[in-house]
Amino acid sequence: MKRDRQQKQAKPQVQRRQARQQSMNRKQRRELARKIEADDISLEIVHPDAAGIDIGNETHYVAVPPKRDTDPVRLFGCTTAELKAMGAWLKQCGIRTVAMQSTGVYWIPVYDILEEMGLEVYLVNARDTKNLPGKKTDVQESQWLMKLHTYGLLRNSFRPPQEIRMMRNYWRQRNDLVRSAGRHIQRMQKALTQMNVQLANVISDISGVTGQAIIKAILAGERDPGELASLCDPRIKASEEEVASSLEGNWQDDQLFMLKQEQDGYELCQRQMAECDARLEQYLKEREDRSAGANLPREKRKGRLRKKKGNAPRFNLREGLFRMCGTNLTQIDGIDVTTATTILSEAGYDMSKWATEDHFVSWLRLCPDNRISGGRVIGKGNLPTNNRLTLALKMAASTLRESKT
């Protein structure tokens, strides 16, 4: 009875409040929301010398506390001179930490220049800053970032040091070239199939020794199936007669033109991969030797030594990684030299950036996505991610599914 009486008394109050809100126009509601956001609710100031930057393609809006400058929000261009002027103005205002969103790749030069000038830069996720009420402008966005960062409400994203970023750029560029080479191979196969040259039915890979020798001979003008079949490597299981019968093609000039261009593109990718390998080898030689004079353990799984090289690095990458991190990561089951390189190039060798293993797994987005209500799990799911390290570890785990290790 008492509870029903309280609900009856509270109902008119709720109705009056709703009626008052409905009577306000959009501008008044926005001003009310901003007033609520601006009210002091006794939050603890974590970063007193904070600033916020709204990153753009051509311009950047920078906001500092109103007491630091008569013009607390300024507009800077994207040129290097403008970015250096931005850093000088921030230091003149006594700013120590800066928060910015990870907008495309436009934030990278801003981050690098401000970091070189001695400022601590927080790279935050836009998902944590999108609750600004009302219609947003670039000026308000920079001020909102500054305010959230002042009270410590933004989490800093992990970014490896410059030393690791160099290795990451080399390795990512090489992986992009590997994928591009694979696309050229697919289009070469398409051109051969349209000319009814069934080369893929007798050899496993047209990018191998035999496949490349036959394709180069075709592009040089050879059309005799017997002569083309004589270029086969002795290790090919198919007989020379079977290979010759599969090479009786319906030669077409337009398809031969496409085949030549794709072959040129594939060879260009191979040359550029060799250049990446040379840069990566030189980079690893210049790094500090953390192996403390220890010898690299011999590879126990000799099956890898007989494995087809394919797009494997053209130098002893395993030895370079051992010198860099001081341990042999390839001794872990499922981790080969390419996966180990991905780990080091994406996360580095300093694991102190994460407090525990759980924090590292959460950064990889490999932790369960459980939706909990009332202490019960009401839903489960997987966290989407395009983290290259996460994808590499998933691939490594899948290879151990039927392993006897």
Protein backbone atom coordinates (compact mmCIF):
# COMPACT_ATOMS: atom_id res chain seq x y z
CA MET A 1 0.00 0.00 0.00
CA LYS A 2 2.77 2.40 0.96
CA ARG A 3 4.71 1.58 -2.24
CA ASP A 4 1.63 2.19 -4.41
CA ARG A 5 1.05 5.53 -2.67
CA GLN A 6 4.67 6.59 -3.36
CA GLN A 7 4.35 5.62 -7.02
CA LYS A 8 1.13 7.67 -7.34
CA GLN A 9 2.86 10.69 -5.81
CA ALA A 10 5.93 10.33 -8.08
CA LYS A 11 3.90 9.91 -11.25
CA PRO A 12 2.76 13.55 -11.53
CA GLN A 13 6.36 14.71 -11.02
CA VAL A 14 7.58 12.51 -13.86
CA GLN A 15 4.77 13.70 -16.09
CA ARG A 16 5.57 17.36 -15.36
CA ARG A 17 9.27 16.80 -16.11
CA GLN A 18 8.46 15.05 -19.39
CA ALA A 19 6.04 17.79 -20.36
CA ARG A 20 8.68 20.45 -19.60
CA GLN A 21 11.24 18.63 -21.75
CA GLN A 22 8.78 18.24 -24.60
CA SER A 23 7.92 21.94 -24.48
CA MET A 24 11.61 22.87 -25.00
CA ASN A 25 12.81 23.20 -28.55
CA ARG A 26 15.91 21.47 -29.87
CA LYS A 27 18.22 24.40 -29.07
CA GLN A 28 17.02 24.59 -25.47
CA ARG A 29 17.46 20.84 -24.98
CA ARG A 30 20.98 21.06 -26.39
CA GLU A 31 21.85 23.95 -24.09
CA LEU A 32 20.47 22.01 -21.13
CA ALA A 33 22.55 18.97 -22.04
CA ARG A 34 25.69 21.09 -22.37
CA LYS A 35 24.96 22.74 -19.02
CA ILE A 36 24.72 19.32 -17.40
CA GLU A 37 28.01 18.30 -19.03
CA ALA A 38 29.68 21.54 -17.89
CA ASP A 39 28.55 21.28 -14.26
CA ASP A 40 31.30 20.38 -11.81
CA ILE A 41 30.57 16.91 -10.44
CA SER A 42 33.80 16.77 -8.43
CA LEU A 43 35.76 14.64 -10.88
CA GLU A 44 39.40 14.14 -10.04
CA ILE A 45 41.78 15.96 -12.36
CA VAL A 46 44.30 13.43 -13.62
CA HIS A 47 46.03 15.46 -16.35
CA PRO A 48 45.99 19.16 -15.40
CA ASP A 49 48.19 20.15 -18.35
CA ALA A 50 46.06 18.52 -21.06
CA ALA A 51 45.04 19.53 -24.56
CA GLY A 52 42.79 18.04 -27.21
CA ILE A 53 43.27 17.89 -30.97
CA ASP A 54 40.58 17.22 -33.55
CA ILE A 55 42.44 15.61 -36.45
CA GLY A 56 41.46 16.45 -40.01
CA ASN A 57 42.76 16.02 -43.52
CA GLU A 58 43.74 19.65 -44.16
CA THR A 59 43.40 21.32 -40.76
CA HIS A 60 43.62 20.43 -37.06
CA TYR A 61 41.74 22.17 -34.25
CA VAL A 62 43.69 22.33 -30.96
CA ALA A 63 42.07 23.20 -27.62
CA VAL A 64 43.85 24.11 -24.37
CA PRO A 65 42.37 25.14 -20.99
CA PRO A 66 40.81 28.63 -21.20
CA LYS A 67 43.17 30.00 -18.54
CA ARG A 68 46.28 29.13 -20.58
CA ASP A 69 45.63 31.45 -23.52
CA THR A 70 43.29 34.22 -24.58
CA ASP A 71 42.47 32.16 -27.67
CA PRO A 72 42.10 28.64 -26.21
CA VAL A 73 41.14 27.00 -29.53
CA ARG A 74 43.37 27.48 -32.55
CA LEU A 75 43.40 26.17 -36.09
CA PHE A 76 46.60 24.75 -37.59
CA GLY A 77 47.34 23.40 -41.05
CA CYS A 78 48.74 20.00 -41.91
CA THR A 79 52.17 21.06 -43.18
CA THR A 80 55.28 20.27 -41.19
CA ALA A 81 55.87 23.94 -40.38
CA GLU A 82 52.31 24.27 -39.05
CA LEU A 83 52.67 21.12 -36.94
CA LYS A 84 55.91 22.42 -35.42
CA ALA A 85 54.16 25.72 -34.69
CA MET A 86 51.38 23.73 -33.01
CA GLY A 87 53.91 22.00 -30.77
CA ALA A 88 55.60 25.29 -29.89
CA TRP A 89 52.25 26.86 -28.97
CA LEU A 90 51.31 23.87 -26.80
CA LYS A 91 54.62 24.06 -24.93
CA GLN A 92 54.16 27.82 -24.54
CA CYS A 93 50.79 27.13 -22.88
CA GLY A 94 52.41 24.68 -20.47
CA ILE A 95 50.80 21.60 -22.01
CA ARG A 96 52.35 18.22 -21.24
CA THR A 97 49.84 15.67 -22.55
CA VAL A 98 47.75 15.77 -25.72
CA ALA A 99 44.77 13.57 -26.69
CA MET A 100 43.80 12.88 -30.29
CA GLN A 101 41.66 10.38 -32.16
CA SER A 102 43.05 7.77 -34.51
CA THR A 103 41.50 9.27 -37.66
CA GLY A 104 42.70 7.36 -40.72
CA VAL A 105 46.44 7.94 -41.11
CA TYR A 106 46.22 11.73 -40.69
CA TRP A 107 47.20 11.45 -37.02
CA ILE A 108 50.58 9.83 -37.70
CA PRO A 109 52.63 12.96 -38.63
CA VAL A 110 50.98 14.91 -35.80
CA TYR A 111 51.84 12.15 -33.34
CA ASP A 112 55.45 11.84 -34.53
CA ILE A 113 56.24 15.57 -34.49
CA LEU A 114 54.64 16.23 -31.09
CA GLU A 115 56.40 13.20 -29.64
CA GLU A 116 59.74 14.44 -30.97
CA MET A 117 59.07 17.81 -29.28
CA GLY A 118 58.73 16.13 -25.87
CA LEU A 119 54.95 16.02 -25.49
CA GLU A 120 53.15 12.92 -24.25
CA VAL A 121 50.59 11.99 -26.88
CA TYR A 122 47.48 9.90 -26.12
CA LEU A 123 46.05 8.11 -29.13
CA VAL A 124 42.45 7.33 -28.20
CA ASN A 125 39.70 5.31 -29.83
CA ALA A 126 36.86 7.33 -31.33
CA ARG A 127 34.42 4.88 -29.74
CA ASP A 128 35.31 6.30 -26.30
CA THR A 129 34.66 9.93 -27.31
CA LYS A 130 31.49 9.81 -29.41
CA ASN A 131 28.99 10.68 -26.65
CA LEU A 132 29.27 14.44 -27.06
CA PRO A 133 25.66 15.74 -26.77
CA GLY A 134 24.06 17.86 -29.45
CA LYS A 135 25.42 18.81 -32.84
CA LYS A 136 29.20 18.46 -32.96
CA THR A 137 31.66 20.84 -34.52
CA ASP A 138 35.42 20.56 -34.84
CA VAL A 139 35.93 23.19 -32.13
CA GLN A 140 33.60 21.39 -29.71
CA GLU A 141 35.22 18.05 -30.53
CA SER A 142 38.69 19.32 -29.58
CA GLN A 143 37.34 20.82 -26.35
CA TRP A 144 35.51 17.60 -25.53
CA LEU A 145 38.71 15.60 -26.02
CA MET A 146 40.60 18.00 -23.78
CA LYS A 147 37.95 17.74 -21.06
CA LEU A 148 37.77 13.95 -21.10
CA HIS A 149 41.56 13.69 -21.08
CA THR A 150 41.84 16.14 -18.19
CA TYR A 151 39.74 13.86 -16.00
CA GLY A 152 41.52 10.69 -17.15
CA LEU A 153 38.49 9.27 -18.97
CA LEU A 154 40.41 8.26 -22.12
CA ARG A 155 42.56 5.18 -22.56
CA ASN A 156 45.81 5.42 -24.46
CA SER A 157 46.22 3.04 -27.37
CA PHE A 158 49.35 0.93 -27.70
CA ARG A 159 51.87 2.09 -30.26
CA PRO A 160 55.30 0.43 -30.45
CA PRO A 161 58.47 2.54 -30.30
CA GLN A 162 60.11 3.89 -33.43
CA GLU A 163 62.62 1.02 -33.52
CA ILE A 164 59.82 -1.54 -33.81
CA ARG A 165 57.77 0.61 -36.17
CA MET A 166 60.61 0.52 -38.71
CA MET A 167 60.63 -3.26 -38.65
CA ARG A 168 56.83 -3.31 -38.88
CA ASN A 169 56.85 -1.13 -42.00
CA TYR A 170 59.37 -3.36 -43.74
CA TRP A 171 57.49 -6.54 -42.82
CA ARG A 172 54.05 -5.18 -43.72
CA GLN A 173 55.33 -3.96 -47.07
CA ARG A 174 56.76 -7.41 -47.76
CA ASN A 175 53.48 -9.13 -46.86
CA ASP A 176 51.60 -6.77 -49.17
CA LEU A 177 53.97 -7.72 -51.98
CA VAL A 178 53.38 -11.43 -51.27
CA ARG A 179 49.63 -10.90 -51.62
CA SER A 180 50.12 -8.87 -54.81
CA ALA A 181 52.28 -11.64 -56.28
CA GLY A 182 49.55 -14.15 -55.46
CA ARG A 183 46.98 -12.04 -57.33
CA HIS A 184 49.27 -11.93 -60.38
CA ILE A 185 49.55 -15.73 -60.28
CA GLN A 186 45.77 -16.07 -60.19
CA ARG A 187 45.34 -13.83 -63.22
CA MET A 188 48.09 -15.74 -65.08
CA GLN A 189 46.20 -18.94 -64.38
CA LYS A 190 43.01 -17.32 -65.66
CA ALA A 191 44.69 -16.33 -68.95
CA LEU A 192 46.10 -19.84 -69.44
CA THR A 193 42.73 -21.44 -68.75
CA GLN A 194 40.98 -19.18 -71.27
CA MET A 195 43.52 -20.35 -73.88
CA ASN A 196 42.83 -23.95 -72.78
CA VAL A 197 46.41 -24.45 -71.60
CA GLN A 198 45.77 -26.90 -68.76
CA LEU A 199 49.14 -26.41 -67.10
CA ALA A 200 47.69 -26.42 -63.58
CA ASN A 201 46.42 -29.99 -64.07
CA VAL A 202 49.92 -31.43 -64.38
CA ILE A 203 51.95 -29.21 -62.04
CA SER A 204 50.97 -28.00 -58.58
CA ASP A 205 52.22 -24.40 -58.84
CA ILE A 206 52.83 -22.31 -61.93
CA SER A 207 55.11 -20.03 -59.89
CA GLY A 208 57.60 -22.90 -59.42
CA VAL A 209 60.65 -23.71 -61.54
CA THR A 210 58.76 -25.72 -64.17
CA GLY A 211 55.77 -23.38 -64.38
CA GLN A 212 57.92 -20.30 -64.79
CA ALA A 213 60.13 -21.95 -67.41
CA ILE A 214 57.11 -22.97 -69.52
CA ILE A 215 55.38 -19.58 -69.20
CA LYS A 216 58.54 -17.69 -70.21
CA ALA A 217 58.95 -20.00 -73.20
CA ILE A 218 55.34 -19.38 -74.26
CA LEU A 219 55.88 -15.62 -74.01
CA ALA A 220 59.07 -16.00 -76.05
CA GLY A 221 57.03 -17.51 -78.90
CA GLU A 222 57.32 -21.26 -78.36
CA ARG A 223 54.12 -23.14 -79.26
CA ASP A 224 55.29 -26.74 -79.75
CA PRO A 225 53.87 -28.85 -76.85
CA GLY A 226 56.79 -31.26 -77.01
CA GLU A 227 59.36 -28.50 -76.67
CA LEU A 228 57.42 -26.95 -73.79
CA ALA A 229 57.09 -30.31 -72.03
CA SER A 230 60.84 -30.86 -72.26
CA LEU A 231 61.33 -27.93 -69.86
CA CYS A 232 59.79 -29.91 -66.97
CA ASP A 233 61.86 -30.51 -63.88
CA PRO A 234 62.66 -34.21 -63.28
CA ARG A 235 60.74 -34.05 -59.99
CA ILE A 236 57.42 -33.51 -61.80
CA LYS A 237 55.29 -36.63 -61.28
CA ALA A 238 53.37 -36.29 -64.56
CA SER A 239 54.96 -37.83 -67.62
CA GLU A 240 56.27 -35.74 -70.49
CA GLU A 241 53.43 -36.98 -72.74
CA GLU A 242 50.80 -35.88 -70.20
CA VAL A 243 52.39 -32.47 -69.90
CA ALA A 244 52.60 -32.10 -73.69
CA SER A 245 48.92 -32.98 -74.15
CA SER A 246 47.91 -30.34 -71.59
CA LEU A 247 49.92 -27.65 -73.41
CA GLU A 248 48.01 -27.79 -76.72
CA GLY A 249 46.44 -24.39 -76.38
CA ASN A 250 44.10 -22.15 -78.36
CA TRP A 251 46.54 -19.27 -78.63
CA GLN A 252 44.97 -15.79 -78.59
CA ASP A 253 46.87 -12.51 -78.85
CA ASP A 254 44.81 -10.68 -76.25
CA GLN A 255 45.24 -13.44 -73.67
CA LEU A 256 48.97 -13.67 -74.40
CA PHE A 257 49.20 -9.91 -73.83
CA MET A 258 47.46 -10.29 -70.44
CA LEU A 259 49.71 -13.22 -69.57
CA LYS A 260 52.82 -11.15 -70.32
CA GLN A 261 51.68 -8.21 -68.20
CA GLU A 262 50.81 -10.43 -65.25
CA GLN A 263 54.16 -12.21 -65.57
CA ASP A 264 55.95 -8.84 -65.55
CA GLY A 265 53.97 -7.79 -62.48
CA TYR A 266 54.84 -11.04 -60.71
CA GLU A 267 58.55 -10.62 -61.45
CA LEU A 268 58.40 -7.01 -60.23
CA CYS A 269 56.87 -8.16 -56.94
CA GLN A 270 59.64 -10.74 -56.57
CA ARG A 271 62.32 -8.09 -57.09
CA GLN A 272 60.68 -5.74 -54.59
CA MET A 273 60.42 -8.59 -52.07
CA ALA A 274 64.15 -9.15 -52.45
CA GLU A 275 64.73 -5.44 -51.75
CA CYS A 276 62.57 -5.68 -48.60
CA ASP A 277 64.58 -8.71 -47.49
CA ALA A 278 67.83 -6.77 -47.95
CA ARG A 279 66.50 -3.83 -45.89
CA LEU A 280 65.17 -6.14 -43.19
CA GLU A 281 68.46 -8.03 -43.00
CA GLN A 282 70.40 -4.78 -42.64
CA TYR A 283 67.94 -3.57 -39.99
CA LEU A 284 68.38 -6.73 -37.89
CA LYS A 285 72.17 -6.50 -38.13
CA GLU A 286 72.10 -2.96 -36.75
CA ARG A 287 70.04 -3.91 -33.69
CA GLU A 288 71.52 -4.58 -30.29
CA ASP A 289 72.61 -8.20 -29.79
CA ARG A 290 70.49 -9.54 -26.92
CA SER A 291 71.62 -13.14 -27.27
CA ALA A 292 74.52 -12.54 -24.80
CA GLY A 293 76.85 -14.58 -26.99
CA ALA A 294 74.64 -17.68 -26.95
CA ASN A 295 74.48 -19.89 -30.01
CA LEU A 296 71.27 -20.29 -31.95
CA PRO A 297 69.77 -23.73 -31.21
CA ARG A 298 69.57 -26.07 -34.15
CA GLU A 299 66.19 -26.47 -35.78
CA LYS A 300 64.71 -29.67 -34.37
CA ARG A 301 61.86 -30.07 -36.85
CA LYS A 302 63.90 -30.96 -39.93
CA GLY A 303 60.78 -31.19 -42.02
CA ARG A 304 60.86 -27.43 -42.23
CA LEU A 305 64.29 -27.54 -43.87
CA ARG A 306 62.88 -29.57 -46.76
CA LYS A 307 59.83 -27.37 -47.05
CA LYS A 308 59.33 -25.49 -50.29
CA LYS A 309 60.77 -22.00 -49.96
CA GLY A 310 58.08 -20.20 -51.96
CA ASN A 311 57.90 -16.62 -50.65
CA ALA A 312 60.17 -17.29 -47.67
CA PRO A 313 62.79 -14.61 -46.82
CA ARG A 314 66.00 -14.86 -48.80
CA PHE A 315 68.29 -14.60 -45.76
CA ASN A 316 68.65 -16.22 -42.34
CA LEU A 317 65.75 -14.44 -40.68
CA ARG A 318 65.71 -16.89 -37.78
CA GLU A 319 69.22 -15.90 -36.74
CA GLY A 320 68.41 -12.19 -36.95
CA LEU A 321 65.35 -12.60 -34.72
CA PHE A 322 67.42 -14.57 -32.21
CA ARG A 323 69.94 -11.72 -31.94
CA MET A 324 67.17 -9.14 -31.62
CA CYS A 325 65.10 -10.69 -28.83
CA GLY A 326 67.65 -13.03 -27.20
CA THR A 327 65.52 -16.17 -27.46
CA ASN A 328 64.45 -18.63 -30.13
CA LEU A 329 60.71 -18.12 -30.59
CA THR A 330 60.52 -20.83 -33.27
CA GLN A 331 60.95 -23.50 -30.59
CA ILE A 332 57.31 -22.86 -29.62
CA ASP A 333 54.99 -25.34 -31.31
CA GLY A 334 53.10 -23.73 -34.16
CA ILE A 335 55.39 -20.68 -34.36
CA ASP A 336 57.53 -20.54 -37.48
CA VAL A 337 59.93 -17.79 -38.44
CA THR A 338 57.30 -15.72 -40.29
CA THR A 339 54.86 -15.83 -37.35
CA ALA A 340 57.68 -14.89 -34.96
CA THR A 341 58.54 -11.92 -37.18
CA THR A 342 54.91 -10.80 -37.15
CA ILE A 343 54.85 -10.99 -33.35
CA LEU A 344 57.99 -8.89 -32.95
CA SER A 345 57.06 -6.37 -35.64
CA GLU A 346 53.56 -5.76 -34.23
CA ALA A 347 54.10 -5.96 -30.44
CA GLY A 348 57.89 -5.74 -30.01
CA TYR A 349 59.89 -7.68 -27.45
CA ASP A 350 59.00 -5.51 -24.42
CA MET A 351 55.93 -7.10 -22.84
CA SER A 352 55.93 -4.68 -19.88
CA LYS A 353 53.44 -2.50 -21.79
CA TRP A 354 50.74 -4.87 -20.53
CA ALA A 355 50.26 -5.49 -16.81
CA THR A 356 49.34 -9.19 -17.12
CA GLU A 357 48.75 -11.86 -19.73
CA ASP A 358 45.03 -11.12 -19.51
CA HIS A 359 45.61 -7.52 -20.56
CA PHE A 360 47.64 -8.71 -23.54
CA VAL A 361 44.91 -11.16 -24.58
CA SER A 362 42.33 -8.38 -24.23
CA TRP A 363 44.43 -6.12 -26.48
CA LEU A 364 44.52 -8.93 -29.03
CA ARG A 365 40.71 -9.13 -28.71
CA LEU A 366 40.94 -12.86 -28.08
CA CYS A 367 39.09 -12.71 -24.75
CA PRO A 368 35.46 -13.91 -24.60
CA ASP A 369 32.78 -11.37 -25.44
CA ASN A 370 30.31 -12.33 -22.71
CA ARG A 371 27.23 -10.18 -22.17
CA ILE A 372 26.38 -10.35 -18.46
CA SER A 373 23.19 -9.17 -16.78
CA GLY A 374 22.29 -9.85 -13.18
CA GLY A 375 25.41 -11.93 -12.69
CA ARG A 376 24.45 -14.33 -15.48
CA VAL A 377 25.91 -14.74 -18.97
CA ILE A 378 23.05 -14.01 -21.36
CA GLY A 379 25.08 -14.05 -24.58
CA LYS A 380 28.45 -14.98 -26.01
CA GLY A 381 30.31 -13.90 -29.08
CA ASN A 382 33.65 -13.14 -30.68
CA LEU A 383 35.25 -9.72 -30.78
CA PRO A 384 35.90 -8.59 -34.37
CA THR A 385 39.45 -7.49 -35.13
CA ASN A 386 41.86 -7.02 -38.01
CA ASN A 387 44.96 -7.06 -35.81
CA ARG A 388 47.70 -8.74 -37.85
CA LEU A 389 49.20 -10.32 -34.73
CA THR A 390 45.84 -11.78 -33.74
CA LEU A 391 45.34 -13.30 -37.18
CA ALA A 392 48.85 -14.78 -37.13
CA LEU A 393 48.29 -16.39 -33.72
CA LYS A 394 44.94 -17.80 -34.84
CA MET A 395 46.63 -19.35 -37.86
CA ALA A 396 49.38 -20.79 -35.66
CA ALA A 397 46.79 -22.31 -33.32
CA SER A 398 44.84 -23.85 -36.18
CA THR A 399 47.95 -25.71 -37.36
CA LEU A 400 48.21 -27.44 -33.98
CA ARG A 401 44.65 -28.76 -34.01
CA GLU A 402 45.73 -32.20 -35.27
CA SER A 403 49.31 -32.03 -34.08
CA LYS A 404 50.80 -34.69 -31.81
CA THR A 405 52.82 -32.14 -29.83
